[in-house]
Each structure stands twice: as C-alpha cells, then as structure tokens.
C-alpha cells in the first residue's frame, strides 16, 4: 500500500480538488474502456473469435498477418491498461 500525505492551509478545499480530479479521471477512463470494449467487440464479431482465442492463435502463428490484427492487439492492450488505472483510482481512500 502506498500512502501519500499532503499539507495545505485549507485541507477541505484541497481534498475536494483531489476528489474532483480523481472523479473526472475515473469518468474519462470509463469512457475509454467503453470505446475499447466496443472496438474489440467489432473485431470479435468480424472474425468470429473471442479476443483470448485470437491472441492464442496469433501467438501460435496460426493466422496470416493483418493490419486489423495489429489494431486488435493494440486495443486489447489499451483496454487492460485502462482497466488497471481504473482499479488504482477506485482503490484510493481518503483517511482525513
């Protein structure tokens, strides 16, 4: 667990500013997650594979290269990255 201590002459305002910024960031991450999920769903429908099936086949060289596959891999990595950031923000707890 990481702990961060901030000092300000006006603690209430500082807390509100940080809470607001985290809330806005969380909202942006959720929007990014929705966009990535939609894009991934398009690839899954187009190629009739789940992303996990696709990644397994791709990593085993069972598929011919396609620029769509590059985008699909990138989108899957982006989704994972956004979800990890979301978890971090959701785990923030204000103790004072």
N, C-alpha and C. Protein backbone atom coordinates (compact mmCIF):
# COMPACT_ATOMS: atom_id res chain seq x y z
N UNK A 1 0.85 -1.18 0.00
CA UNK A 1 0.00 0.00 0.00
C UNK A 1 0.89 1.23 0.00
N UNK A 2 0.54 2.19 -0.82
CA UNK A 2 1.23 3.46 -0.87
C UNK A 2 0.40 4.49 -0.14
N UNK A 3 1.09 5.30 0.65
CA UNK A 3 0.39 6.35 1.37
C UNK A 3 1.01 7.68 0.98
N UNK A 4 0.16 8.67 0.80
CA UNK A 4 0.58 9.99 0.39
C UNK A 4 0.01 11.00 1.36
N UNK A 5 0.85 11.87 1.86
CA UNK A 5 0.40 12.91 2.77
C UNK A 5 0.57 14.25 2.08
N UNK A 6 -0.48 15.03 2.08
CA UNK A 6 -0.44 16.37 1.51
C UNK A 6 -0.78 17.37 2.60
N UNK A 7 -0.13 18.50 2.57
CA UNK A 7 -0.43 19.55 3.53
C UNK A 7 -0.86 20.81 2.78
N UNK A 8 -1.89 21.43 3.31
CA UNK A 8 -2.39 22.67 2.72
C UNK A 8 -3.03 23.48 3.83
N UNK A 9 -2.97 24.79 3.76
CA UNK A 9 -3.63 25.60 4.77
C UNK A 9 -5.15 25.39 4.77
N UNK A 10 -5.70 24.97 3.66
CA UNK A 10 -7.14 24.77 3.54
C UNK A 10 -7.39 23.32 3.14
N UNK A 11 -7.36 22.40 4.09
CA UNK A 11 -7.46 20.97 3.82
C UNK A 11 -8.76 20.58 3.12
N UNK A 12 -9.85 21.20 3.48
CA UNK A 12 -11.13 20.82 2.88
C UNK A 12 -11.11 21.10 1.38
N UNK A 13 -10.64 22.27 0.98
CA UNK A 13 -10.59 22.61 -0.45
C UNK A 13 -9.65 21.69 -1.20
N UNK A 14 -8.50 21.39 -0.62
CA UNK A 14 -7.54 20.50 -1.27
C UNK A 14 -8.16 19.12 -1.48
N UNK A 15 -8.81 18.61 -0.46
CA UNK A 15 -9.46 17.30 -0.58
C UNK A 15 -10.52 17.33 -1.68
N UNK A 16 -11.31 18.38 -1.74
CA UNK A 16 -12.34 18.49 -2.77
C UNK A 16 -11.73 18.55 -4.16
N UNK A 17 -10.65 19.28 -4.30
CA UNK A 17 -9.97 19.39 -5.60
C UNK A 17 -9.46 18.03 -6.04
N UNK A 18 -8.83 17.31 -5.14
CA UNK A 18 -8.27 16.00 -5.48
C UNK A 18 -9.38 15.00 -5.77
N UNK A 19 -10.42 15.00 -4.95
CA UNK A 19 -11.55 14.10 -5.21
C UNK A 19 -12.19 14.39 -6.56
N UNK A 20 -12.34 15.66 -6.87
CA UNK A 20 -12.92 16.04 -8.15
C UNK A 20 -12.05 15.60 -9.32
N UNK A 21 -10.74 15.80 -9.20
CA UNK A 21 -9.81 15.41 -10.26
C UNK A 21 -9.82 13.89 -10.45
N UNK A 22 -9.84 13.15 -9.35
CA UNK A 22 -9.88 11.69 -9.46
C UNK A 22 -11.21 11.22 -10.06
N UNK A 23 -12.28 11.88 -9.69
CA UNK A 23 -13.59 11.53 -10.24
C UNK A 23 -13.63 11.78 -11.74
N UNK A 24 -13.09 12.90 -12.17
CA UNK A 24 -13.05 13.21 -13.60
C UNK A 24 -12.18 12.21 -14.35
N UNK A 25 -11.03 11.87 -13.76
CA UNK A 25 -10.13 10.90 -14.39
C UNK A 25 -10.80 9.54 -14.48
N UNK A 26 -11.51 9.15 -13.44
CA UNK A 26 -12.22 7.88 -13.44
C UNK A 26 -13.28 7.87 -14.54
N UNK A 27 -14.00 8.96 -14.67
CA UNK A 27 -15.01 9.08 -15.73
C UNK A 27 -14.36 8.92 -17.11
N UNK A 28 -13.23 9.60 -17.33
CA UNK A 28 -12.53 9.51 -18.62
C UNK A 28 -12.05 8.08 -18.88
N UNK A 29 -11.54 7.41 -17.84
CA UNK A 29 -11.10 6.03 -18.01
C UNK A 29 -12.28 5.12 -18.37
N UNK A 30 -13.41 5.34 -17.72
CA UNK A 30 -14.59 4.53 -18.02
C UNK A 30 -15.05 4.73 -19.45
N UNK A 31 -14.98 5.96 -19.94
CA UNK A 31 -15.34 6.22 -21.33
C UNK A 31 -14.36 5.53 -22.28
N UNK A 32 -13.07 5.58 -21.96
CA UNK A 32 -12.06 4.91 -22.77
C UNK A 32 -12.26 3.40 -22.78
N UNK A 33 -12.62 2.85 -21.63
CA UNK A 33 -12.88 1.42 -21.53
C UNK A 33 -14.07 1.04 -22.41
N UNK A 34 -15.12 1.82 -22.38
CA UNK A 34 -16.29 1.54 -23.22
C UNK A 34 -15.92 1.56 -24.70
N UNK A 35 -15.12 2.55 -25.11
CA UNK A 35 -14.71 2.64 -26.51
C UNK A 35 -13.87 1.44 -26.91
N UNK A 36 -12.92 1.06 -26.07
CA UNK A 36 -12.08 -0.10 -26.37
C UNK A 36 -12.91 -1.37 -26.43
N UNK A 37 -13.84 -1.54 -25.49
CA UNK A 37 -14.69 -2.72 -25.50
C UNK A 37 -15.54 -2.80 -26.77
N UNK A 38 -16.05 -1.66 -27.22
CA UNK A 38 -16.83 -1.64 -28.47
C UNK A 38 -15.97 -2.04 -29.66
N UNK A 39 -14.77 -1.48 -29.72
CA UNK A 39 -13.86 -1.78 -30.84
C UNK A 39 -13.47 -3.26 -30.83
N UNK A 40 -13.17 -3.77 -29.65
CA UNK A 40 -12.82 -5.19 -29.52
C UNK A 40 -13.99 -6.07 -29.94
N UNK A 41 -15.20 -5.70 -29.54
CA UNK A 41 -16.39 -6.46 -29.92
C UNK A 41 -16.56 -6.48 -31.43
N UNK A 42 -16.23 -5.37 -32.10
CA UNK A 42 -16.30 -5.34 -33.57
C UNK A 42 -15.34 -6.36 -34.18
N UNK A 43 -14.12 -6.41 -33.66
CA UNK A 43 -13.15 -7.39 -34.16
C UNK A 43 -13.63 -8.82 -33.88
N UNK A 44 -14.15 -9.05 -32.68
CA UNK A 44 -14.63 -10.39 -32.33
C UNK A 44 -15.77 -10.82 -33.25
N UNK A 45 -16.67 -9.90 -33.55
CA UNK A 45 -17.78 -10.23 -34.45
C UNK A 45 -17.29 -10.44 -35.88
N UNK A 46 -16.38 -9.59 -36.32
CA UNK A 46 -15.87 -9.69 -37.69
C UNK A 46 -15.13 -11.00 -37.92
N UNK A 47 -14.34 -11.43 -36.94
CA UNK A 47 -13.51 -12.63 -37.12
C UNK A 47 -14.06 -13.85 -36.38
N UNK A 48 -15.22 -13.72 -35.77
CA UNK A 48 -15.88 -14.79 -35.01
C UNK A 48 -14.91 -15.51 -34.07
N UNK A 49 -14.15 -14.72 -33.33
CA UNK A 49 -13.23 -15.22 -32.31
C UNK A 49 -13.33 -14.31 -31.10
N UNK A 50 -13.17 -14.88 -29.92
CA UNK A 50 -13.01 -14.03 -28.75
C UNK A 50 -11.60 -13.46 -28.80
N UNK A 51 -11.37 -12.42 -28.07
CA UNK A 51 -10.03 -11.83 -28.06
C UNK A 51 -9.01 -12.84 -27.53
N UNK A 52 -9.38 -13.60 -26.51
CA UNK A 52 -8.45 -14.60 -25.97
C UNK A 52 -8.12 -15.66 -27.02
N UNK A 53 -9.14 -16.13 -27.75
CA UNK A 53 -8.90 -17.11 -28.81
C UNK A 53 -8.00 -16.51 -29.88
N UNK A 54 -8.29 -15.27 -30.26
CA UNK A 54 -7.48 -14.58 -31.26
C UNK A 54 -6.02 -14.49 -30.82
N UNK A 55 -5.79 -14.03 -29.59
CA UNK A 55 -4.42 -13.87 -29.10
C UNK A 55 -3.68 -15.20 -29.06
N UNK A 56 -4.37 -16.25 -28.67
CA UNK A 56 -3.74 -17.58 -28.64
C UNK A 56 -3.34 -18.00 -30.05
N UNK A 57 -4.27 -17.88 -30.99
CA UNK A 57 -3.98 -18.26 -32.38
C UNK A 57 -2.88 -17.37 -32.97
N UNK A 58 -2.94 -16.08 -32.68
CA UNK A 58 -1.94 -15.15 -33.21
C UNK A 58 -0.56 -15.49 -32.66
N UNK A 59 -0.48 -15.73 -31.37
CA UNK A 59 0.81 -16.06 -30.74
C UNK A 59 1.35 -17.40 -31.19
N UNK A 60 0.48 -18.30 -31.64
CA UNK A 60 0.91 -19.61 -32.16
C UNK A 60 1.12 -19.59 -33.67
N UNK A 61 1.12 -18.38 -34.27
CA UNK A 61 1.32 -18.22 -35.71
C UNK A 61 0.30 -19.00 -36.54
N UNK A 62 -0.94 -19.05 -36.06
CA UNK A 62 -2.00 -19.76 -36.78
C UNK A 62 -2.80 -18.83 -37.69
N UNK A 63 -2.46 -17.55 -37.70
CA UNK A 63 -3.20 -16.57 -38.51
C UNK A 63 -2.24 -15.82 -39.42
N UNK A 64 -2.71 -15.50 -40.62
CA UNK A 64 -1.93 -14.65 -41.51
C UNK A 64 -1.99 -13.22 -41.00
N UNK A 65 -0.91 -12.50 -41.17
CA UNK A 65 -0.85 -11.13 -40.65
C UNK A 65 -1.88 -10.24 -41.32
N UNK A 66 -2.45 -9.36 -40.52
CA UNK A 66 -3.41 -8.38 -41.00
C UNK A 66 -3.24 -7.11 -40.16
N UNK A 67 -3.42 -5.96 -40.78
CA UNK A 67 -3.34 -4.71 -40.01
C UNK A 67 -4.45 -4.65 -38.97
N UNK A 68 -5.59 -5.29 -39.25
CA UNK A 68 -6.65 -5.38 -38.25
C UNK A 68 -6.13 -6.06 -36.98
N UNK A 69 -5.30 -7.08 -37.17
CA UNK A 69 -4.78 -7.80 -36.01
C UNK A 69 -3.88 -6.90 -35.16
N UNK A 70 -3.11 -6.05 -35.82
CA UNK A 70 -2.28 -5.09 -35.08
C UNK A 70 -3.17 -4.17 -34.24
N UNK A 71 -4.24 -3.71 -34.84
CA UNK A 71 -5.17 -2.83 -34.12
C UNK A 71 -5.86 -3.59 -32.98
N UNK A 72 -6.24 -4.82 -33.24
CA UNK A 72 -6.92 -5.62 -32.23
C UNK A 72 -6.01 -5.85 -31.02
N UNK A 73 -4.77 -6.20 -31.28
CA UNK A 73 -3.80 -6.39 -30.20
C UNK A 73 -3.61 -5.08 -29.42
N UNK A 74 -3.46 -4.00 -30.16
CA UNK A 74 -3.30 -2.70 -29.51
C UNK A 74 -4.50 -2.33 -28.66
N UNK A 75 -5.69 -2.61 -29.16
CA UNK A 75 -6.92 -2.30 -28.43
C UNK A 75 -7.02 -3.17 -27.17
N UNK A 76 -6.64 -4.43 -27.28
CA UNK A 76 -6.67 -5.33 -26.12
C UNK A 76 -5.69 -4.85 -25.04
N UNK A 77 -4.51 -4.42 -25.46
CA UNK A 77 -3.51 -3.90 -24.51
C UNK A 77 -4.00 -2.59 -23.89
N UNK A 78 -4.61 -1.75 -24.69
CA UNK A 78 -5.14 -0.48 -24.19
C UNK A 78 -6.23 -0.74 -23.15
N UNK A 79 -7.12 -1.67 -23.44
CA UNK A 79 -8.20 -1.99 -22.51
C UNK A 79 -7.62 -2.46 -21.17
N UNK A 80 -6.65 -3.33 -21.23
CA UNK A 80 -6.03 -3.82 -20.00
C UNK A 80 -5.39 -2.67 -19.21
N UNK A 81 -4.70 -1.80 -19.91
CA UNK A 81 -4.05 -0.64 -19.29
C UNK A 81 -5.08 0.28 -18.62
N UNK A 82 -6.15 0.58 -19.32
CA UNK A 82 -7.19 1.45 -18.77
C UNK A 82 -7.86 0.81 -17.56
N UNK A 83 -8.11 -0.49 -17.63
CA UNK A 83 -8.74 -1.18 -16.50
C UNK A 83 -7.84 -1.17 -15.27
N UNK A 84 -6.54 -1.32 -15.48
CA UNK A 84 -5.60 -1.27 -14.35
C UNK A 84 -5.59 0.11 -13.71
N UNK A 85 -5.58 1.16 -14.53
CA UNK A 85 -5.61 2.52 -13.99
C UNK A 85 -6.90 2.78 -13.23
N UNK A 86 -8.00 2.26 -13.75
CA UNK A 86 -9.30 2.43 -13.09
C UNK A 86 -9.28 1.79 -11.71
N UNK A 87 -8.71 0.59 -11.61
CA UNK A 87 -8.63 -0.09 -10.32
C UNK A 87 -7.81 0.70 -9.31
N UNK A 88 -6.73 1.32 -9.78
CA UNK A 88 -5.89 2.11 -8.89
C UNK A 88 -6.69 3.29 -8.33
N UNK A 89 -7.38 3.99 -9.19
CA UNK A 89 -8.15 5.15 -8.75
C UNK A 89 -9.28 4.73 -7.83
N UNK A 90 -9.96 3.63 -8.17
CA UNK A 90 -11.05 3.15 -7.33
C UNK A 90 -10.55 2.73 -5.94
N UNK A 91 -9.28 2.38 -5.85
CA UNK A 91 -8.71 1.94 -4.58
C UNK A 91 -8.22 3.07 -3.69
N UNK A 92 -8.29 4.31 -4.19
CA UNK A 92 -7.83 5.44 -3.38
C UNK A 92 -8.82 5.67 -2.24
N UNK A 93 -8.26 5.83 -1.06
CA UNK A 93 -9.08 6.07 0.14
C UNK A 93 -8.56 7.31 0.83
N UNK A 94 -9.45 8.21 1.12
CA UNK A 94 -9.09 9.42 1.88
C UNK A 94 -9.26 9.09 3.37
N UNK A 95 -8.20 9.29 4.13
CA UNK A 95 -8.24 8.93 5.53
C UNK A 95 -8.52 10.10 6.45
N UNK A 96 -8.43 11.31 5.98
CA UNK A 96 -8.72 12.50 6.79
C UNK A 96 -9.82 13.31 6.15
